[in-house]
Every structure is written in C-alpha cells, then in structure tokens.
Amino acid sequence: MSDEIPFHLQEQIIKRLPVISLLQFRSVSKAWKSVIDNSNFIAAHSAHSVTQPQHLFLKFVHILPQSVKLLKRSSIIGSLGLLCFHGYTGEQDLETEMVVLWNPTIRKSIDVDVPNNPNPDCETEHGFGVCPVTADPKIIAITQFHNTKTNYHCEAIVYALSSGKWRSVSNNLPSKPFRVFWPHVVVERFIYWCAFDPMTMASGLPNHNQIMSFDTTDENFGVIDLPDSLRCRSPTLLCISKLRESLILLEYTDFFMGSCAVWMMENGVHKSFTKLFTVKAPYGSRTIRTLGFRKSGQPIMELESHDYIYEKSELVVYHPDSQRFICLAIYGTTESFVVNSYMETLVLLGY
C-alpha cells in the first residue's frame, strides 16, 4: 500500500480482506506480520467476518489433521471458523480423552487433553465457543452426576486457549438442578444448550424445560425460560439450532419426528419465542430431521424414506413460502448427515 496512506487506515482496510490474502500480507514486512498476528487484530477481523458469506460442509475426511484421524469415537462439538473435535486416544484400558481444535484455512491444529473423570455415575456434555472480544477459543465441560433419583449435582470446567489450562467455573452454575443435552449452539458470545429440571420432571410436574447459556466473555451461566406451551414437552422432542444470529428452538411433534415446528427467540429476550412455521414430512417419508439453516431462513433437512429393508435418507432444503422440499441429490443412511457452518478465520495463527 502507498506510504501516503496512514498506517492505521491501512490496518482498517486489510481487516476486510480474506484470510488467504492476509496470510500473504504477513510475508510483506515485519510490521505487517506483527499487526496481523496481534490478538486484537484477529478479534476485529473475526467480528467483521460474521457478516461475510458462510459455507456449509458435510464431509472432509481426506484433509483432516493426523491427530483427528487417530481419534476414536470422534465427533464435532463445534464449528466457528475453527472445528472442534472430541474423541479418545490410546488403548482401551488407558484411553485419554482429547479435544482437537483445527483451523483448515491456515492448516493448523492444537491438541487439548481433557481431564478424565473416573466416576461411573456421571456424564459430560461439552460446548465450544470463541470469545468475540478476545478471539480466545474456549471449551466448556459440564459433568452431571446422578447417584440417586433425588441427588443431582453438576460441575463445570472451562479451557481457554490463551491460558492453556482448565479452570473450575462450578461456582457460576445456577443454584437449581438442571440437565443439559447435545447439541449446543453458539450465537454471538453465548453457548446454548437445551436443558430440563430433573427433579421437577421426576416428580411428574410440568414446566421442566429451559435453555442454559454460557457467556464466553465473563464465563457466567444463565437460564432462559421457554413459552408455557414448550416447558412441559418431553425434552427428547426439543432441539436447538441457529438462524443467522438468532437462536432457534425445534419442536418435534412426536418421537417419530413426523413434523417440526420452528421457533425463534426474538432479540435474546426470555420467553419471547415466535413460531415461524411448521414442516411436515412429505408423503413417502418416515421422519424429518432439521440439520441447520441457510441465511435465507430455509432449513436444511434430512428425510428418511419409507423403506423398511434399507435405511435410506436424503438431504433436502425446505422452502417455507411454497412448502416444497428441494432435493440436493445427496444420499446416505439414516442420521448419517452432519451439517456445519464454516467461515474463514485467523484464530490459532498466534499459537
């Protein structure tokens, strides 16, 4: 860039450049490398990237880093420019729980060991987010103990990449008992899970469903109340998703998932969920499963066909205005699809 342009203005300009261009700029001079590697610049670039086009991906087996390929029982627990994989390494009797953070744009990955919990009467749900202020990736692990039907206890730890350590945040948990379940969704600085009150549900009382949140900036937990019509539904019929920067709640009518009502939370206000539309499985399909949303608001769905010999499914896009399903000509077995949004980011560059 011309020396006539002040350096701080040059910096504002390159914040709008794609990641590949910025990687090339790092080779121009030590000054540019220092700017681009700075955590404040990476956070600002990531914030600007939210408004840029996002991509959807299905499979990427051949380009995975070796540490992910070696994971056993692996799954993706988050995608925010970084992909966060969870799995296990080592022999069966000496397995180590591990999380791998991978940025495919800059071809860099980081392995994170997860503390093992030897208690058999517990289960752990994970969440992954990137603080929008500092661009610091954070992994949250919520361990839920259930020794008896009347004794529910939870503990939580968080890993921040900037510190390289796990820390307890159990003191920030809500005072009332709760259970969270997969999947989680990230909207701006919050990680969300569907949740329910196990003691209220065990007593046969209504109003047990809620949504839990974790703020990646101050590391506090919160509880979001649901509309009365959703609070007493079976938790297995509820799931969360994301449309642009709004939280979406999916309400399935029954265990066979014959139809799905789509609710959107307005402006982050509790109980302010608006029902957008309901999707019914077309004739010849047994179930529907919502995997994600296009920015236009059209849900990407898996349709399971009416074939009791073979479990077949196809990927489709539902158009609410015309109530039509458009096949994407992508086929698989039942629940074989995982759709994640992805956008380029510089996060992990300085590690």
Protein backbone atom coordinates (compact mmCIF):
# COMPACT_ATOMS: atom_id res chain seq x y z
CA MET A 1 0.00 0.00 0.00
CA SER A 2 1.08 3.55 -0.58
CA ASP A 3 3.12 5.24 2.14
CA GLU A 4 0.79 8.22 1.72
CA ILE A 5 -1.97 6.29 3.48
CA PRO A 6 -1.55 6.41 7.28
CA PHE A 7 -0.70 3.03 8.75
CA HIS A 8 -3.81 2.91 10.98
CA LEU A 9 -6.01 3.41 7.91
CA GLN A 10 -4.16 0.65 6.10
CA GLU A 11 -4.91 -1.58 9.06
CA GLN A 12 -8.64 -0.78 8.83
CA ILE A 13 -8.59 -1.63 5.13
CA ILE A 14 -6.92 -5.02 5.45
CA LYS A 15 -9.35 -6.07 8.18
CA ARG A 16 -11.82 -6.56 5.34
CA LEU A 17 -9.53 -8.85 3.36
CA PRO A 18 -9.99 -12.64 3.25
CA VAL A 19 -7.75 -14.87 5.34
CA ILE A 20 -5.72 -16.15 2.37
CA SER A 21 -4.77 -12.58 1.42
CA LEU A 22 -3.77 -11.77 5.00
CA LEU A 23 -1.52 -14.83 5.15
CA GLN A 24 0.28 -13.47 2.08
CA PHE A 25 0.49 -9.98 3.63
CA ARG A 26 2.39 -11.46 6.60
CA SER A 27 5.31 -12.05 4.24
CA VAL A 28 5.46 -8.44 3.08
CA SER A 29 7.17 -6.98 6.14
CA LYS A 30 7.76 -7.48 9.85
CA ALA A 31 5.37 -4.60 10.54
CA TRP A 32 2.50 -6.29 8.67
CA LYS A 33 3.23 -9.65 10.30
CA SER A 34 3.20 -8.04 13.73
CA VAL A 35 -0.18 -6.37 13.03
CA ILE A 36 -1.86 -9.44 11.57
CA ASP A 37 -0.59 -11.76 14.32
CA ASN A 38 -1.87 -9.42 17.03
CA SER A 39 -4.78 -10.85 19.02
CA ASN A 40 -6.72 -7.56 18.81
CA PHE A 41 -6.48 -7.59 15.01
CA ILE A 42 -7.57 -11.24 14.87
CA ALA A 43 -10.58 -10.48 17.10
CA ALA A 44 -11.55 -7.48 14.95
CA HIS A 45 -11.17 -9.49 11.74
CA SER A 46 -13.28 -12.33 13.18
CA ALA A 47 -16.01 -9.88 14.19
CA HIS A 48 -16.08 -8.47 10.65
CA SER A 49 -16.17 -12.00 9.17
CA VAL A 50 -19.54 -12.67 10.82
CA THR A 51 -21.19 -10.59 8.09
CA GLN A 52 -19.33 -12.42 5.32
CA PRO A 53 -20.69 -15.43 3.40
CA GLN A 54 -20.59 -18.69 5.32
CA HIS A 55 -20.13 -22.13 3.86
CA LEU A 56 -21.77 -25.44 4.66
CA PHE A 57 -19.78 -28.64 4.65
CA LEU A 58 -20.68 -32.29 5.04
CA LYS A 59 -17.54 -34.41 4.86
CA PHE A 60 -13.83 -33.58 4.83
CA VAL A 61 -12.16 -36.88 5.78
CA HIS A 62 -9.17 -36.64 3.46
CA ILE A 63 -7.92 -33.26 4.66
CA LEU A 64 -8.19 -33.84 8.41
CA PRO A 65 -5.06 -33.38 10.54
CA GLN A 66 -3.45 -36.62 11.71
CA SER A 67 -4.43 -36.08 15.36
CA VAL A 68 -8.12 -36.05 14.37
CA LYS A 69 -7.76 -39.15 12.19
CA LEU A 70 -6.32 -41.01 15.20
CA LEU A 71 -9.26 -40.12 17.45
CA LYS A 72 -11.61 -42.94 18.36
CA ARG A 73 -15.38 -42.35 18.66
CA SER A 74 -14.78 -38.82 17.40
CA SER A 75 -17.45 -36.19 16.86
CA ILE A 76 -17.61 -32.48 16.05
CA ILE A 77 -18.68 -30.44 19.05
CA GLY A 78 -18.39 -27.02 17.43
CA SER A 79 -17.65 -25.06 14.27
CA LEU A 80 -16.81 -21.36 14.39
CA GLY A 81 -14.16 -20.95 11.74
CA LEU A 82 -12.37 -23.48 13.92
CA LEU A 83 -13.58 -27.06 14.03
CA CYS A 84 -13.62 -28.62 17.47
CA PHE A 85 -13.35 -32.43 17.55
CA HIS A 86 -13.85 -34.62 20.61
CA GLY A 87 -12.69 -38.22 20.96
CA TYR A 88 -10.29 -40.63 22.62
CA THR A 89 -6.73 -41.83 22.04
CA GLY A 90 -4.69 -44.71 23.39
CA GLU A 91 -5.51 -48.30 24.31
CA GLN A 92 -8.92 -49.25 25.67
CA ASP A 93 -7.80 -49.56 29.30
CA LEU A 94 -5.66 -46.42 29.11
CA GLU A 95 -7.72 -44.12 26.92
CA THR A 96 -7.15 -40.39 27.07
CA GLU A 97 -10.00 -38.01 26.34
CA MET A 98 -8.95 -35.33 23.89
CA VAL A 99 -10.21 -32.28 22.04
CA VAL A 100 -8.59 -31.12 18.80
CA LEU A 101 -9.01 -27.55 17.54
CA TRP A 102 -8.41 -27.28 13.80
CA ASN A 103 -8.34 -24.27 11.50
CA PRO A 104 -8.43 -25.71 7.94
CA THR A 105 -7.83 -22.30 6.34
CA ILE A 106 -4.40 -21.81 7.90
CA ARG A 107 -3.80 -25.59 8.21
CA LYS A 108 -3.12 -25.53 11.93
CA SER A 109 -4.40 -27.74 14.75
CA ILE A 110 -3.92 -27.86 18.52
CA ASP A 111 -4.48 -30.90 20.77
CA VAL A 112 -6.05 -30.40 24.20
CA ASP A 113 -6.15 -33.19 26.81
CA VAL A 114 -9.42 -33.34 28.75
CA PRO A 115 -9.27 -34.27 32.47
CA ASN A 116 -10.65 -37.77 32.98
CA ASN A 117 -13.46 -38.30 35.49
CA PRO A 118 -13.27 -41.81 36.98
CA ASN A 119 -16.77 -41.62 38.48
CA PRO A 120 -19.04 -44.04 36.56
CA ASP A 121 -22.21 -42.28 37.78
CA CYS A 122 -21.75 -39.22 35.63
CA GLU A 123 -21.92 -37.97 32.06
CA THR A 124 -20.29 -34.94 30.49
CA GLU A 125 -21.59 -32.54 27.86
CA HIS A 126 -19.20 -30.24 26.04
CA GLY A 127 -19.50 -26.85 24.45
CA PHE A 128 -17.17 -24.82 22.29
CA GLY A 129 -17.10 -21.10 21.57
CA VAL A 130 -14.75 -18.26 20.69
CA CYS A 131 -14.92 -15.09 22.78
CA PRO A 132 -15.82 -12.31 20.28
CA VAL A 133 -13.90 -9.70 22.30
CA THR A 134 -10.55 -11.50 22.54
CA ALA A 135 -10.89 -14.22 19.83
CA ASP A 136 -9.90 -16.69 22.56
CA PRO A 137 -11.27 -20.23 21.91
CA LYS A 138 -12.92 -21.79 24.96
CA ILE A 139 -14.04 -25.35 25.68
CA ILE A 140 -16.60 -25.93 28.41
CA ALA A 141 -17.21 -29.33 30.04
CA ILE A 142 -20.30 -29.79 32.23
CA THR A 143 -20.19 -33.02 34.23
CA GLN A 144 -23.57 -34.20 35.51
CA PHE A 145 -23.64 -36.63 38.44
CA HIS A 146 -26.69 -38.77 39.15
CA ASN A 147 -26.08 -41.14 42.04
CA THR A 148 -29.76 -41.30 43.01
CA LYS A 149 -33.05 -40.03 41.63
CA THR A 150 -33.10 -37.25 44.20
CA ASN A 151 -29.45 -36.25 44.17
CA TYR A 152 -28.44 -34.22 41.14
CA HIS A 153 -25.10 -32.46 41.10
CA CYS A 154 -23.17 -30.68 38.36
CA GLU A 155 -19.62 -29.42 38.00
CA ALA A 156 -18.14 -27.33 35.19
CA ILE A 157 -14.64 -26.61 33.94
CA VAL A 158 -13.51 -24.33 31.13
CA TYR A 159 -10.37 -24.37 28.99
CA ALA A 160 -9.14 -21.11 27.49
CA LEU A 161 -6.52 -21.46 24.77
CA SER A 162 -4.81 -18.23 25.89
CA SER A 163 -4.01 -19.77 29.30
CA GLY A 164 -3.61 -23.37 28.17
CA LYS A 165 -5.29 -24.54 31.38
CA TRP A 166 -8.58 -25.97 32.62
CA ARG A 167 -10.27 -23.98 35.41
CA SER A 168 -13.31 -24.68 37.55
CA VAL A 169 -16.37 -22.49 36.95
CA SER A 170 -18.70 -24.57 39.12
CA ASN A 171 -19.43 -21.57 41.35
CA ASN A 172 -21.05 -19.86 38.36
CA LEU A 173 -23.58 -22.63 37.78
CA PRO A 174 -27.30 -22.00 38.53
CA SER A 175 -28.40 -22.94 42.02
CA LYS A 176 -31.31 -25.08 40.79
CA PRO A 177 -30.62 -28.59 39.43
CA PHE A 178 -30.51 -28.99 35.66
CA ARG A 179 -29.54 -31.37 32.89
CA VAL A 180 -28.16 -30.17 29.55
CA PHE A 181 -28.01 -32.30 26.42
CA TRP A 182 -26.43 -32.23 22.98
CA PRO A 183 -26.25 -30.38 20.64
CA HIS A 184 -25.18 -26.91 21.68
CA VAL A 185 -25.44 -23.75 19.58
CA VAL A 186 -23.32 -20.59 19.59
CA VAL A 187 -24.94 -17.21 18.97
CA GLU A 188 -22.59 -14.24 19.31
CA ARG A 189 -20.90 -14.58 22.72
CA PHE A 190 -23.26 -17.23 24.14
CA ILE A 191 -23.18 -21.02 24.06
CA TYR A 192 -26.67 -22.53 24.43
CA TRP A 193 -27.94 -26.00 25.40
CA CYS A 194 -31.42 -27.44 25.74
CA ALA A 195 -31.95 -28.34 29.39
CA PHE A 196 -34.54 -29.50 31.89
CA ASP A 197 -35.09 -29.62 35.64
CA PRO A 198 -34.62 -33.32 36.55
CA MET A 199 -36.31 -33.06 39.97
CA THR A 200 -39.43 -31.37 38.58
CA MET A 201 -39.60 -33.90 35.77
CA ALA A 202 -39.05 -36.87 38.12
CA SER A 203 -41.98 -35.65 40.23
CA GLY A 204 -44.26 -35.65 37.20
CA LEU A 205 -44.71 -31.89 37.35
CA PRO A 206 -44.88 -29.66 34.25
CA ASN A 207 -42.65 -26.69 33.44
CA HIS A 208 -39.36 -28.55 33.47
CA ASN A 209 -37.81 -27.45 30.14
CA GLN A 210 -35.46 -24.48 29.78
CA ILE A 211 -32.37 -23.35 27.90
CA MET A 212 -28.98 -22.98 29.54
CA SER A 213 -26.43 -20.41 28.38
CA PHE A 214 -22.72 -19.82 28.95
CA ASP A 215 -21.22 -16.39 28.31
CA THR A 216 -17.76 -16.76 26.77
CA THR A 217 -16.80 -13.23 27.85
CA ASP A 218 -17.45 -13.36 31.61
CA GLU A 219 -17.86 -17.17 31.91
CA ASN A 220 -21.21 -16.97 33.69
CA PHE A 221 -24.12 -19.35 33.18
CA GLY A 222 -27.71 -18.29 32.66
CA VAL A 223 -31.18 -19.79 32.32
CA ILE A 224 -33.67 -18.88 29.60
CA ASP A 225 -37.34 -19.60 30.25
CA LEU A 226 -39.43 -21.09 27.47
CA PRO A 227 -43.03 -20.29 26.50
CA ASP A 228 -45.53 -22.21 28.60
CA SER A 229 -46.51 -24.43 25.65
CA LEU A 230 -42.92 -25.70 25.37
CA ARG A 231 -41.95 -26.01 29.02
CA CYS A 232 -43.82 -29.25 29.66
CA ARG A 233 -42.93 -31.09 26.44
CA SER A 234 -40.72 -34.18 26.57
CA PRO A 235 -37.09 -32.98 26.37
CA THR A 236 -36.44 -35.56 23.66
CA LEU A 237 -38.80 -33.64 21.36
CA LEU A 238 -36.83 -30.39 21.60
CA CYS A 239 -33.61 -29.33 19.90
CA ILE A 240 -31.86 -26.02 19.26
CA SER A 241 -30.31 -24.56 16.13
CA LYS A 242 -29.29 -21.19 14.72
CA LEU A 243 -30.64 -18.91 12.01
CA ARG A 244 -28.25 -16.06 11.22
CA GLU A 245 -27.57 -14.62 14.71
CA SER A 246 -30.81 -15.80 16.33
CA LEU A 247 -31.43 -18.84 18.49
CA ILE A 248 -33.87 -21.37 17.03
CA LEU A 249 -35.85 -23.95 19.00
CA LEU A 250 -37.10 -27.01 17.10
CA GLU A 251 -40.21 -28.75 18.45
CA TYR A 252 -40.92 -32.19 17.05
CA THR A 253 -44.49 -33.44 17.37
CA ASP A 254 -43.62 -36.98 18.45
CA PHE A 255 -40.78 -39.47 18.76
CA PHE A 256 -41.14 -40.40 15.09
CA MET A 257 -40.39 -36.78 14.05
CA GLY A 258 -43.24 -36.58 11.56
CA SER A 259 -43.31 -32.79 11.76
CA CYS A 260 -41.20 -30.00 13.20
CA ALA A 261 -42.25 -26.54 14.44
CA VAL A 262 -39.59 -23.83 14.14
CA TRP A 263 -39.48 -21.20 16.92
CA MET A 264 -37.13 -18.20 17.00
CA MET A 265 -36.06 -16.25 20.07
CA GLU A 266 -36.50 -12.51 19.48
CA ASN A 267 -33.58 -10.26 20.44
CA GLY A 268 -32.37 -12.58 23.18
CA VAL A 269 -35.42 -11.85 25.38
CA HIS A 270 -36.57 -14.70 27.60
CA LYS A 271 -39.87 -16.39 26.63
CA SER A 272 -40.04 -14.21 23.51
CA PHE A 273 -40.09 -17.16 21.11
CA THR A 274 -42.09 -16.67 17.91
CA LYS A 275 -43.32 -19.62 15.89
CA LEU A 276 -42.09 -19.14 12.31
CA PHE A 277 -43.56 -22.18 10.54
CA THR A 278 -44.14 -25.93 10.80
CA VAL A 279 -42.58 -28.50 8.48
CA LYS A 280 -44.46 -31.76 7.84
CA ALA A 281 -42.76 -34.83 6.43
CA PRO A 282 -43.84 -35.37 2.82
CA TYR A 283 -45.68 -38.48 1.69
CA GLY A 284 -43.30 -41.43 1.46
CA SER A 285 -41.01 -40.20 4.24
CA ARG A 286 -40.96 -41.64 7.72
CA THR A 287 -39.17 -38.84 9.56
CA ILE A 288 -37.62 -35.41 9.09
CA ARG A 289 -34.62 -34.01 10.94
CA THR A 290 -33.51 -30.39 10.81
CA LEU A 291 -29.72 -30.10 10.45
CA GLY A 292 -29.29 -26.35 10.04
CA PHE A 293 -30.47 -23.23 8.23
CA ARG A 294 -29.45 -21.20 5.24
CA LYS A 295 -29.11 -17.47 5.87
CA SER A 296 -32.31 -17.03 3.84
CA GLY A 297 -34.17 -18.92 6.57
CA GLN A 298 -34.66 -22.18 4.66
CA PRO A 299 -33.99 -25.25 6.81
CA ILE A 300 -31.63 -27.96 5.58
CA MET A 301 -33.23 -31.27 6.49
CA GLU A 302 -32.70 -35.00 6.36
CA LEU A 303 -35.63 -37.04 5.04
CA GLU A 304 -35.78 -40.71 5.90
CA SER A 305 -37.53 -42.70 3.18
CA HIS A 306 -40.31 -45.25 3.66
CA ASP A 307 -38.12 -48.29 3.10
CA TYR A 308 -38.11 -50.84 5.89
CA ILE A 309 -35.46 -53.01 4.22
CA TYR A 310 -32.81 -50.33 3.84
CA GLU A 311 -32.41 -47.25 5.97
CA LYS A 312 -32.11 -44.52 3.37
CA SER A 313 -32.13 -40.78 3.77
CA GLU A 314 -31.59 -37.74 1.56
CA LEU A 315 -30.56 -34.16 2.12
CA VAL A 316 -33.16 -31.53 1.16
CA VAL A 317 -33.91 -27.84 1.56
CA TYR A 318 -37.40 -26.83 2.67
CA HIS A 319 -38.95 -23.63 1.27
CA PRO A 320 -41.47 -22.30 3.82
CA ASP A 321 -43.21 -19.96 1.34
CA SER A 322 -44.04 -22.66 -1.20
CA GLN A 323 -43.97 -25.54 1.34
CA ARG A 324 -41.82 -27.53 -1.07
CA PHE A 325 -38.81 -29.78 -0.50
CA ILE A 326 -35.91 -29.38 -2.94
CA CYS A 327 -33.64 -32.42 -3.13
CA LEU A 328 -29.89 -31.70 -3.08
CA ALA A 329 -29.11 -35.10 -4.66
CA ILE A 330 -27.05 -36.11 -1.63
CA TYR A 331 -27.94 -39.50 -0.15
CA GLY A 332 -26.89 -41.56 2.84
CA THR A 333 -28.07 -43.78 5.64
CA THR A 334 -30.31 -42.63 8.48
CA GLU A 335 -28.70 -39.94 10.66
CA SER A 336 -25.50 -40.07 8.61
CA PHE A 337 -25.53 -36.34 7.81
CA VAL A 338 -23.82 -33.67 9.90
CA VAL A 339 -24.12 -30.15 8.53
CA ASN A 340 -21.95 -27.37 9.97
CA SER A 341 -21.47 -23.75 9.01
CA TYR A 342 -17.94 -22.60 8.37
CA MET A 343 -16.25 -19.26 7.76
CA GLU A 344 -12.59 -18.36 7.36
CA THR A 345 -10.77 -17.07 10.43
CA LEU A 346 -7.25 -16.25 11.63
CA VAL A 347 -7.84 -17.78 15.08
CA LEU A 348 -4.94 -20.13 16.07
CA LEU A 349 -2.49 -18.08 13.99
CA GLY A 350 -0.54 -16.89 17.01
CA TYR A 351 -0.33 -20.30 18.73
